[in-house]
Amino acid sequence: MRQAQTLNEAQLRRVIQYCRSRRHPTRDETIILTSFYAGLRAKEIAALTVGNVFDEEGNVRTQFILSAA
């Protein structure tokens, strides 16, 4: 099976610049950075809930815990 291509740092900067020119720049940039740094695919990002990202005190978790569903 072939390995999926990933962005290098220069390509990531270009994508972020493009996101900032769009209608919802914060949302778009968050999606791209979550995918890039957490290694999540679009379907996995779409399945995230607030509880996956934030703990009970409202702090960002150091790890995302995803269910198999």
C-alpha atoms as a PDB file:
ATOM      1  CA  MET A   1       0.000   0.000   0.000  1.00  0.00           C
ATOM      2  CA  ARG A   2       1.279   3.463  -0.861  1.00  0.00           C
ATOM      3  CA  GLN A   3       2.055   5.986   1.858  1.00  0.00           C
ATOM      4  CA  ALA A   4      -0.149   9.088   1.852  1.00  0.00           C
ATOM      5  CA  GLN A   5       1.650  12.268   0.878  1.00  0.00           C
ATOM      6  CA  THR A   6       2.119  14.860   3.590  1.00  0.00           C
ATOM      7  CA  LEU A   7       2.810  18.580   3.459  1.00  0.00           C
ATOM      8  CA  ASN A   8       6.234  19.974   4.222  1.00  0.00           C
ATOM      9  CA  GLU A   9       6.595  23.189   6.254  1.00  0.00           C
ATOM     10  CA  ALA A  10       6.668  25.473   3.170  1.00  0.00           C
ATOM     11  CA  GLN A  11       3.523  23.872   1.766  1.00  0.00           C
ATOM     12  CA  LEU A  12       1.809  24.162   5.149  1.00  0.00           C
ATOM     13  CA  ARG A  13       2.579  27.902   5.260  1.00  0.00           C
ATOM     14  CA  ARG A  14       1.066  28.327   1.776  1.00  0.00           C
ATOM     15  CA  VAL A  15      -2.088  26.457   2.768  1.00  0.00           C
ATOM     16  CA  ILE A  16      -2.433  28.562   5.938  1.00  0.00           C
ATOM     17  CA  GLN A  17      -2.047  31.765   3.898  1.00  0.00           C
ATOM     18  CA  TYR A  18      -4.797  30.532   1.577  1.00  0.00           C
ATOM     19  CA  CYS A  19      -7.048  29.685   4.547  1.00  0.00           C
ATOM     20  CA  ARG A  20      -6.631  33.220   5.865  1.00  0.00           C
ATOM     21  CA  SER A  21      -8.070  34.617   2.617  1.00  0.00           C
ATOM     22  CA  ARG A  22     -11.279  32.584   2.889  1.00  0.00           C
ATOM     23  CA  ARG A  23     -14.635  33.319   4.521  1.00  0.00           C
ATOM     24  CA  HIS A  24     -13.996  31.254   7.695  1.00  0.00           C
ATOM     25  CA  PRO A  25     -10.241  31.555   8.255  1.00  0.00           C
ATOM     26  CA  THR A  26     -10.149  30.458  11.915  1.00  0.00           C
ATOM     27  CA  ARG A  27     -12.168  27.315  11.253  1.00  0.00           C
ATOM     28  CA  ASP A  28     -10.198  26.411   8.129  1.00  0.00           C
ATOM     29  CA  GLU A  29      -6.811  27.025   9.738  1.00  0.00           C
ATOM     30  CA  THR A  30      -7.836  24.967  12.787  1.00  0.00           C
ATOM     31  CA  ILE A  31      -8.823  22.031  10.579  1.00  0.00           C
ATOM     32  CA  ILE A  32      -5.549  22.147   8.628  1.00  0.00           C
ATOM     33  CA  LEU A  33      -3.372  22.451  11.746  1.00  0.00           C
ATOM     34  CA  THR A  34      -5.255  19.675  13.543  1.00  0.00           C
ATOM     35  CA  SER A  35      -4.719  17.397  10.581  1.00  0.00           C
ATOM     36  CA  PHE A  36      -1.065  18.367  10.210  1.00  0.00           C
ATOM     37  CA  TYR A  37       0.034  18.167  13.848  1.00  0.00           C
ATOM     38  CA  ALA A  38      -2.318  15.473  15.192  1.00  0.00           C
ATOM     39  CA  GLY A  39      -2.206  13.363  12.048  1.00  0.00           C
ATOM     40  CA  LEU A  40      -5.979  13.103  11.861  1.00  0.00           C
ATOM     41  CA  ARG A  41      -7.907  12.503   8.646  1.00  0.00           C
ATOM     42  CA  ALA A  42     -10.980  14.527   7.672  1.00  0.00           C
ATOM     43  CA  LYS A  43     -13.401  11.863   8.947  1.00  0.00           C
ATOM     44  CA  GLU A  44     -11.583  11.728  12.303  1.00  0.00           C
ATOM     45  CA  ILE A  45     -11.630  15.519  12.655  1.00  0.00           C
ATOM     46  CA  ALA A  46     -15.359  15.584  11.830  1.00  0.00           C
ATOM     47  CA  ALA A  47     -16.003  13.006  14.569  1.00  0.00           C
ATOM     48  CA  LEU A  48     -14.264  15.021  17.307  1.00  0.00           C
ATOM     49  CA  THR A  49     -16.411  16.298  20.148  1.00  0.00           C
ATOM     50  CA  VAL A  50     -15.664  19.014  22.685  1.00  0.00           C
ATOM     51  CA  GLY A  51     -14.952  16.290  25.249  1.00  0.00           C
ATOM     52  CA  ASN A  52     -12.314  14.771  22.960  1.00  0.00           C
ATOM     53  CA  VAL A  53     -10.397  18.059  22.880  1.00  0.00           C
ATOM     54  CA  PHE A  54     -11.045  19.706  26.274  1.00  0.00           C
ATOM     55  CA  ASP A  55     -10.950  18.194  29.770  1.00  0.00           C
ATOM     56  CA  GLU A  56     -13.444  18.875  32.569  1.00  0.00           C
ATOM     57  CA  GLU A  57     -11.650  22.093  33.608  1.00  0.00           C
ATOM     58  CA  GLY A  58     -11.706  23.452  30.037  1.00  0.00           C
ATOM     59  CA  ASN A  59      -8.016  22.818  29.342  1.00  0.00           C
ATOM     60  CA  VAL A  60      -6.872  21.414  26.026  1.00  0.00           C
ATOM     61  CA  ARG A  61      -6.034  17.739  26.363  1.00  0.00           C
ATOM     62  CA  THR A  62      -2.503  16.585  25.553  1.00  0.00           C
ATOM     63  CA  GLN A  63      -3.987  13.575  23.732  1.00  0.00           C
ATOM     64  CA  PHE A  64      -7.162  13.086  21.719  1.00  0.00           C
ATOM     65  CA  ILE A  65      -9.069   9.942  22.590  1.00  0.00           C
ATOM     66  CA  LEU A  66     -11.133   8.697  19.674  1.00  0.00           C
ATOM     67  CA  SER A  67     -13.609   5.853  19.766  1.00  0.00           C
ATOM     68  CA  ALA A  68     -13.618   3.157  17.096  1.00  0.00           C
ATOM     69  CA  ALA A  69     -17.108   4.261  16.056  1.00  0.00           C
END
